N, C-alpha and C. Protein backbone atom coordinates (compact mmCIF):
# COMPACT_ATOMS: atom_id res chain seq x y z
N MET A 1 3.40 -1.60 13.63
CA MET A 1 2.74 -1.97 12.57
C MET A 1 2.93 -3.23 11.83
N GLU A 2 1.59 -3.94 11.76
CA GLU A 2 1.86 -5.19 11.35
C GLU A 2 0.33 -5.21 10.05
N ILE A 3 1.54 -6.04 8.77
CA ILE A 3 0.45 -6.49 7.87
C ILE A 3 -0.02 -7.52 8.01
N THR A 4 -1.71 -7.69 7.65
CA THR A 4 -2.14 -8.45 7.89
C THR A 4 -2.88 -9.39 7.26
N GLY A 5 -3.02 -8.37 5.61
CA GLY A 5 -3.87 -9.31 5.14
C GLY A 5 -4.05 -8.17 3.88
N HIS A 6 -4.32 -8.54 2.90
CA HIS A 6 -4.44 -7.32 1.20
C HIS A 6 -5.01 -7.92 0.59
N THR A 7 -5.50 -6.90 -0.69
CA THR A 7 -6.29 -7.22 -1.69
C THR A 7 -4.75 -6.63 -2.61
N VAL A 8 -5.22 -6.90 -3.69
CA VAL A 8 -3.93 -6.31 -5.10
C VAL A 8 -4.97 -6.79 -6.50
N GLU A 9 -4.46 -5.82 -7.22
CA GLU A 9 -4.99 -5.64 -8.49
C GLU A 9 -3.85 -4.72 -9.71
N LEU A 10 -4.05 -5.96 -10.37
CA LEU A 10 -2.79 -5.38 -11.91
C LEU A 10 -3.96 -4.12 -12.66
N LEU A 11 -3.44 -3.16 -12.15
CA LEU A 11 -4.32 -1.54 -12.90
C LEU A 11 -3.95 -2.23 -14.61
N ASN A 12 -4.56 -1.16 -15.23
CA ASN A 12 -5.05 -1.30 -16.42
C ASN A 12 -4.71 -0.25 -17.19
N ASP A 13 -3.74 0.15 -18.54
CA ASP A 13 -3.43 1.41 -18.38
C ASP A 13 -3.93 1.51 -20.06
N PRO A 14 -5.22 1.81 -20.36
CA PRO A 14 -5.71 1.48 -22.02
C PRO A 14 -5.27 2.81 -22.52
N THR A 15 -4.71 3.69 -22.25
CA THR A 15 -3.82 4.80 -22.91
C THR A 15 -2.37 4.52 -23.44
N GLY A 16 -1.51 3.22 -22.43
CA GLY A 16 -0.45 3.22 -22.52
C GLY A 16 0.93 4.24 -22.11
N ILE A 17 0.16 5.40 -21.48
CA ILE A 17 1.07 6.01 -21.28
C ILE A 17 2.22 6.14 -20.02
N ILE A 18 1.62 5.06 -19.30
CA ILE A 18 2.40 4.32 -18.61
C ILE A 18 3.39 3.39 -18.58
N GLU A 19 4.55 3.62 -18.56
CA GLU A 19 5.49 2.04 -18.80
C GLU A 19 5.62 1.59 -17.65
N GLY A 20 5.70 0.05 -17.73
CA GLY A 20 5.73 -0.86 -16.89
C GLY A 20 4.39 -1.02 -16.09
N GLU A 21 4.40 -2.14 -15.19
CA GLU A 21 3.38 -2.34 -14.59
C GLU A 21 3.01 -1.89 -13.21
N ARG A 22 1.48 -1.50 -12.90
CA ARG A 22 1.26 -0.65 -11.93
C ARG A 22 -0.22 -1.56 -10.97
N TYR A 23 0.49 -2.05 -9.82
CA TYR A 23 -0.08 -2.67 -9.32
C TYR A 23 -1.42 -1.32 -7.82
N GLU A 24 -2.60 -2.12 -7.94
CA GLU A 24 -3.23 -0.91 -6.61
C GLU A 24 -3.02 -2.22 -5.17
N PHE A 25 -2.53 -2.16 -4.25
CA PHE A 25 -2.83 -2.90 -3.39
C PHE A 25 -3.35 -2.20 -1.79
N PHE A 26 -4.41 -3.28 -1.47
CA PHE A 26 -4.67 -2.58 0.28
C PHE A 26 -4.45 -3.41 0.92
N LEU A 27 -3.58 -2.47 2.01
CA LEU A 27 -3.04 -3.53 3.07
C LEU A 27 -3.72 -3.59 4.37
N GLU A 28 -4.52 -4.49 5.12
CA GLU A 28 -4.96 -4.51 6.23
C GLU A 28 -3.78 -4.68 6.92
N LEU A 29 -4.13 -3.32 8.19
CA LEU A 29 -2.32 -3.62 9.18
C LEU A 29 -3.20 -3.56 10.54
N ASP A 30 -2.79 -4.11 11.29
CA ASP A 30 -2.60 -4.15 12.81
C ASP A 30 -1.91 -2.94 13.60
N LEU A 31 -2.70 -2.33 14.47
CA LEU A 31 -1.81 -1.18 14.96
C LEU A 31 -2.27 -0.95 16.27
N ASP A 32 -0.84 -1.04 16.74
CA ASP A 32 -0.99 -1.13 18.51
C ASP A 32 -2.13 0.37 18.53
N GLU A 33 -2.94 -0.08 19.96
CA GLU A 33 -3.89 1.19 20.44
C GLU A 33 -3.00 2.48 20.90
N GLU A 34 -1.88 2.45 20.83
CA GLU A 34 -0.78 4.04 21.22
C GLU A 34 -0.35 4.04 20.46
N ASP A 35 -0.15 3.72 19.11
CA ASP A 35 -0.10 4.14 17.62
C ASP A 35 -0.93 5.56 17.66
N GLU A 36 -0.18 6.79 16.70
CA GLU A 36 -0.64 7.78 16.57
C GLU A 36 -1.81 7.04 15.18
N LEU A 37 -1.65 6.65 14.20
CA LEU A 37 -2.65 5.88 13.39
C LEU A 37 -3.69 4.95 14.06
N TYR A 38 -3.93 4.27 14.72
CA TYR A 38 -4.86 3.64 15.04
C TYR A 38 -6.13 4.37 15.18
N THR A 39 -7.42 4.17 14.36
CA THR A 39 -8.40 4.34 14.95
C THR A 39 -9.23 2.73 15.51
N GLU A 40 -10.89 3.26 15.93
CA GLU A 40 -11.34 1.94 16.09
C GLU A 40 -11.86 1.31 15.03
N GLY A 41 -12.17 2.21 14.09
CA GLY A 41 -12.55 1.65 12.64
C GLY A 41 -11.73 0.06 12.21
N GLY A 42 -10.38 1.09 12.47
CA GLY A 42 -9.33 0.11 11.51
C GLY A 42 -8.62 1.09 10.57
N VAL A 43 -7.30 0.62 9.94
CA VAL A 43 -6.71 1.46 9.21
C VAL A 43 -6.00 0.52 8.00
N LYS A 44 -6.25 0.36 6.52
CA LYS A 44 -6.08 0.31 5.62
C LYS A 44 -4.74 1.17 5.18
N LEU A 45 -4.03 0.89 4.14
CA LEU A 45 -2.92 1.27 3.41
C LEU A 45 -2.72 0.84 1.75
N ARG A 46 -3.06 2.19 1.17
CA ARG A 46 -3.14 1.93 0.00
C ARG A 46 -1.94 2.23 -0.78
N VAL A 47 -1.60 1.33 -1.82
CA VAL A 47 -0.31 1.19 -2.49
C VAL A 47 -0.42 1.12 -3.80
N LEU A 48 0.20 2.23 -4.69
CA LEU A 48 0.42 1.68 -5.75
C LEU A 48 1.90 1.15 -6.10
N PHE A 49 2.07 -0.07 -6.49
CA PHE A 49 3.31 -0.59 -6.35
C PHE A 49 3.83 -0.84 -8.23
N ALA A 50 4.92 0.19 -8.40
CA ALA A 50 5.01 -0.14 -9.69
C ALA A 50 6.37 -0.82 -10.12
N VAL A 51 6.43 -1.66 -11.48
CA VAL A 51 7.44 -2.45 -11.93
C VAL A 51 7.51 -2.00 -13.32
N HIS A 52 9.02 -1.68 -13.40
CA HIS A 52 9.45 -1.04 -14.89
C HIS A 52 10.58 -1.68 -14.99
N ASP A 53 11.22 -2.52 -16.18
CA ASP A 53 12.80 -2.62 -16.51
C ASP A 53 13.33 -3.26 -15.27
N GLY A 54 12.81 -4.14 -14.35
CA GLY A 54 13.83 -4.86 -13.37
C GLY A 54 13.24 -4.13 -12.43
N ARG A 55 13.08 -2.97 -12.16
CA ARG A 55 13.18 -1.75 -10.81
C ARG A 55 11.86 -2.20 -10.63
N GLU A 56 11.58 -1.87 -8.91
CA GLU A 56 10.50 -2.08 -8.38
C GLU A 56 10.16 -0.67 -7.03
N TRP A 57 9.14 -0.28 -7.37
CA TRP A 57 9.00 0.93 -6.06
C TRP A 57 7.75 1.22 -5.96
N ILE A 58 7.03 2.09 -4.73
CA ILE A 58 6.18 2.59 -4.37
C ILE A 58 5.91 4.10 -4.82
N ALA A 59 4.68 3.85 -5.81
CA ALA A 59 5.11 5.51 -6.58
C ALA A 59 3.71 5.88 -6.04
N ASN A 60 3.00 5.49 -4.79
CA ASN A 60 2.29 6.23 -3.94
C ASN A 60 1.61 5.57 -3.16
N TYR A 61 1.12 6.41 -2.26
CA TYR A 61 0.44 5.76 -0.95
C TYR A 61 -0.48 6.41 0.18
N ASP A 62 -1.65 5.87 0.44
CA ASP A 62 -2.00 6.92 1.48
C ASP A 62 -2.58 6.04 2.42
N PHE A 63 -2.72 6.39 3.95
CA PHE A 63 -3.22 5.61 5.05
C PHE A 63 -4.94 6.02 4.99
N ILE A 64 -5.43 4.80 4.89
CA ILE A 64 -7.18 5.09 4.87
C ILE A 64 -7.92 4.45 5.89
N GLU A 65 -8.59 5.40 6.44
CA GLU A 65 -9.82 4.67 7.81
C GLU A 65 -10.34 3.59 6.91
N ALA A 66 -10.41 2.94 7.44
CA ALA A 66 -10.71 1.71 7.05
C ALA A 66 -12.40 1.83 7.14
N ALA A 67 -13.21 2.56 7.76
CA ALA A 67 -14.85 2.37 7.93
C ALA A 67 -15.13 3.38 7.62
N THR A 68 -14.58 5.06 7.45
CA THR A 68 -14.82 5.72 6.73
C THR A 68 -14.49 6.26 5.58
N GLY A 69 -13.03 5.58 5.26
CA GLY A 69 -12.40 5.42 3.18
C GLY A 69 -11.83 6.89 3.82
N LYS A 70 -11.84 7.85 4.85
CA LYS A 70 -10.79 8.84 4.75
C LYS A 70 -9.53 8.65 4.64
N VAL A 71 -9.16 9.48 3.46
CA VAL A 71 -7.66 9.38 3.50
C VAL A 71 -6.90 10.61 5.05
N MET A 72 -5.86 9.78 5.49
CA MET A 72 -5.69 10.35 6.36
C MET A 72 -3.92 10.52 5.70
N GLY A 73 -3.85 11.72 6.58
CA GLY A 73 -2.28 12.34 6.32
C GLY A 73 -1.20 12.44 7.15
N PHE A 74 -0.73 10.87 6.87
CA PHE A 74 0.21 10.31 7.37
C PHE A 74 0.97 9.76 6.82
N ALA A 75 2.77 9.63 6.92
CA ALA A 75 3.90 9.34 5.98
C ALA A 75 4.49 7.51 6.66
N LEU A 76 4.98 7.00 5.91
CA LEU A 76 5.72 6.45 6.26
C LEU A 76 7.20 6.15 7.05
N GLU A 77 7.36 5.43 7.94
CA GLU A 77 8.41 5.34 8.35
C GLU A 77 9.77 5.14 7.12
N GLU A 78 10.93 4.91 7.46
CA GLU A 78 11.89 4.67 6.21
C GLU A 78 11.42 3.13 6.59
N ASP A 79 11.70 2.64 8.06
CA ASP A 79 11.90 1.47 7.99
C ASP A 79 10.64 0.59 7.56
N GLU A 80 9.10 1.18 7.83
CA GLU A 80 8.04 0.71 7.40
C GLU A 80 7.98 0.98 5.64
N GLU A 81 8.00 1.71 5.41
CA GLU A 81 8.46 1.63 3.45
C GLU A 81 8.89 0.35 3.19
N LYS A 82 10.50 0.45 3.72
CA LYS A 82 11.15 -1.08 3.37
C LYS A 82 10.32 -2.07 3.59
N GLU A 83 9.30 -2.35 4.76
CA GLU A 83 8.35 -3.55 4.45
C GLU A 83 7.54 -3.89 3.82
N VAL A 84 6.55 -2.41 3.28
CA VAL A 84 5.65 -2.29 2.66
C VAL A 84 6.13 -2.58 1.15
N LEU A 85 7.26 -2.45 0.61
CA LEU A 85 7.96 -2.45 -0.32
C LEU A 85 8.41 -4.04 -0.66
N GLU A 86 8.82 -4.34 0.12
CA GLU A 86 9.22 -6.27 0.21
C GLU A 86 7.54 -6.81 0.12
N TYR A 87 6.88 -6.49 1.36
CA TYR A 87 5.49 -7.43 1.01
C TYR A 87 5.06 -7.59 -0.35
N CYS A 88 4.94 -6.04 -0.97
CA CYS A 88 4.33 -5.85 -2.23
C CYS A 88 5.02 -6.76 -3.03
N HIS A 89 6.62 -6.36 -3.41
CA HIS A 89 7.25 -7.47 -3.75
C HIS A 89 6.60 -9.15 -3.68
N ASN A 90 6.58 -9.10 -2.81
CA ASN A 90 6.26 -11.10 -2.52
C ASN A 90 4.99 -11.36 -2.91
N HIS A 91 3.65 -10.28 -3.09
CA HIS A 91 2.57 -10.78 -2.89
C HIS A 91 2.29 -9.88 -4.63
N LYS A 92 2.82 -9.58 -4.84
CA LYS A 92 1.96 -8.46 -6.58
C LYS A 92 1.76 -9.75 -7.41
N ASP A 93 2.02 -11.06 -7.46
CA ASP A 93 1.54 -12.40 -8.50
C ASP A 93 0.89 -13.12 -7.58
N ALA A 94 0.55 -12.85 -6.21
CA ALA A 94 -0.72 -13.35 -5.88
C ALA A 94 -2.28 -13.75 -6.20
């Protein structure tokens, strides 16, 4: 799995219930055809990235079929989760 691009948006919490900041990332992925996630229409990873009191974490994520918008029921592997966390950290203010 290679991250080839992204869009990011700082989410607004008008209620003030959520502490810290939340960013919604849509990561564009390049997957090998042998990968179980691979689809011809492409796959994106939607990530809710949280920042509060100097701490950063992935609050939630979903793999999404790019062509249909359908949520896929897959989980990140531990090394992939670290890669995504680092990517979001490096691009949250872009």
